[in-house]
Amino acid sequence: MERVIHATIIACIVCTASWAQKDTPAEWKPLFDGSSLQGWRETPFSGRGEVRVEDGAIVLSKGVLTGITRTLVFPKVNYEVRLEAMRVDGYDFLRGHHLSRSRFILLLD
């Protein structure tokens, strides 16, 4: 009985390792260069706050509606978006939506 259990555990480990190798993502491509808003534009909301780069981060200042829009081509299939965000002041929160197969939007509410 122990041999069956050990064989099952080993089979699970081998299968998991092979699946993990297949699911390894391709090299990450940053959407932000860390020093400029190249590839981005301020979203033209009325009452928006300033958008700037500060210490390697995109900073969105206070405003009724403040946002940025990606201007470069975005992948249409098989992609992941990873981001780090921090609220510095206020009570807003970040959320994301898929608008269509090729459009994704992040909102600060």
Protein backbone atom coordinates (compact mmCIF):
# COMPACT_ATOMS: atom_id res chain seq x y z
CA MET A 1 0.00 0.00 0.00
CA GLU A 2 2.85 2.39 0.84
CA ARG A 3 4.39 1.77 -2.60
CA VAL A 4 1.12 2.76 -4.28
CA ILE A 5 0.94 5.96 -2.23
CA HIS A 6 4.59 6.82 -2.95
CA ALA A 7 4.14 6.07 -6.66
CA THR A 8 1.05 8.29 -6.75
CA ILE A 9 2.88 11.15 -5.02
CA ILE A 10 5.86 10.86 -7.39
CA ALA A 11 3.53 10.81 -10.41
CA CYS A 12 1.78 13.95 -9.17
CA ILE A 13 5.10 15.74 -8.66
CA VAL A 14 6.35 14.77 -12.13
CA CYS A 15 3.07 15.86 -13.76
CA THR A 16 3.04 19.13 -11.84
CA ALA A 17 6.64 19.86 -12.83
CA SER A 18 5.93 19.21 -16.51
CA TRP A 19 2.81 21.42 -16.43
CA ALA A 20 4.78 24.18 -14.72
CA GLN A 21 7.38 24.09 -17.49
CA LYS A 22 4.71 24.42 -20.17
CA ASP A 23 3.04 27.32 -18.34
CA THR A 24 6.24 29.31 -17.87
CA PRO A 25 5.50 32.73 -19.35
CA ALA A 26 7.66 34.30 -22.01
CA GLU A 27 9.93 37.13 -20.99
CA TRP A 28 8.01 40.00 -19.37
CA LYS A 29 7.75 43.17 -21.41
CA PRO A 30 7.35 46.28 -19.27
CA LEU A 31 4.56 48.68 -20.23
CA PHE A 32 6.29 51.56 -18.42
CA ASP A 33 9.94 52.53 -18.96
CA GLY A 34 10.34 53.94 -15.43
CA SER A 35 11.40 57.40 -16.58
CA SER A 36 8.79 58.91 -18.92
CA LEU A 37 5.19 58.66 -20.04
CA GLN A 38 6.28 57.41 -23.47
CA GLY A 39 3.53 55.07 -24.72
CA TRP A 40 0.94 56.69 -22.45
CA ARG A 41 -1.21 59.81 -22.54
CA GLU A 42 -3.30 61.56 -19.92
CA THR A 43 -6.94 60.60 -20.28
CA PRO A 44 -8.76 63.87 -21.13
CA PHE A 45 -11.20 63.94 -18.22
CA SER A 46 -12.63 67.27 -17.06
CA GLY A 47 -11.25 68.21 -13.65
CA ARG A 48 -8.36 65.77 -13.86
CA GLY A 49 -5.25 66.00 -11.73
CA GLU A 50 -1.64 66.06 -12.92
CA VAL A 51 0.03 62.87 -14.17
CA ARG A 52 3.81 62.69 -13.78
CA VAL A 53 6.74 60.32 -13.33
CA GLU A 54 8.39 60.50 -9.92
CA ASP A 55 11.09 58.18 -8.53
CA GLY A 56 10.46 55.57 -11.25
CA ALA A 57 6.69 55.50 -10.75
CA ILE A 58 3.68 57.01 -12.50
CA VAL A 59 1.96 59.36 -10.06
CA LEU A 60 -1.65 60.43 -10.61
CA SER A 61 -2.49 63.53 -8.59
CA LYS A 62 -5.82 64.33 -7.01
CA GLY A 63 -8.62 65.30 -9.34
CA VAL A 64 -12.27 64.48 -9.92
CA LEU A 65 -11.17 61.97 -12.57
CA THR A 66 -7.50 61.30 -13.29
CA GLY A 67 -6.19 58.59 -15.57
CA ILE A 68 -3.76 57.49 -18.24
CA THR A 69 -4.36 55.57 -21.45
CA ARG A 70 -1.92 53.24 -23.21
CA THR A 71 -1.18 54.57 -26.72
CA LEU A 72 0.92 51.69 -28.04
CA VAL A 73 -0.43 48.41 -29.41
CA PHE A 74 -1.57 46.05 -26.67
CA PRO A 75 -1.55 42.26 -27.16
CA LYS A 76 -4.88 40.80 -28.25
CA VAL A 77 -4.47 37.24 -26.90
CA ASN A 78 -2.41 35.25 -24.41
CA TYR A 79 -1.23 38.03 -22.12
CA GLU A 80 -1.11 38.86 -18.44
CA VAL A 81 -0.97 42.30 -16.87
CA ARG A 82 0.86 42.71 -13.59
CA LEU A 83 1.02 45.98 -11.73
CA GLU A 84 1.94 47.45 -8.42
CA ALA A 85 -0.25 50.25 -7.11
CA MET A 86 -0.38 52.21 -3.89
CA ARG A 87 -2.89 54.73 -2.64
CA VAL A 88 -0.92 57.57 -1.07
CA ASP A 89 -3.86 59.67 0.11
CA GLY A 90 -7.65 59.53 0.07
CA TYR A 91 -10.13 56.66 -0.05
CA ASP A 92 -10.01 55.59 -3.69
CA PHE A 93 -9.30 52.05 -4.83
CA LEU A 94 -7.97 50.52 -8.02
CA ARG A 95 -10.02 48.13 -10.12
CA GLY A 96 -9.69 46.66 -13.59
CA HIS A 97 -12.13 45.75 -16.35
CA HIS A 98 -11.90 43.91 -19.64
CA LEU A 99 -13.85 46.06 -22.10
CA SER A 100 -13.35 43.64 -24.98
CA ARG A 101 -10.90 40.99 -26.10
CA SER A 102 -8.28 43.62 -26.86
CA ARG A 103 -9.05 46.38 -24.33
CA PHE A 104 -8.40 46.38 -20.61
CA ILE A 105 -8.94 49.38 -18.35
CA LEU A 106 -7.77 50.11 -14.81
CA LEU A 107 -9.93 52.50 -12.83
CA LEU A 108 -9.28 54.37 -9.63
CA ASP A 109 -12.62 54.77 -7.84
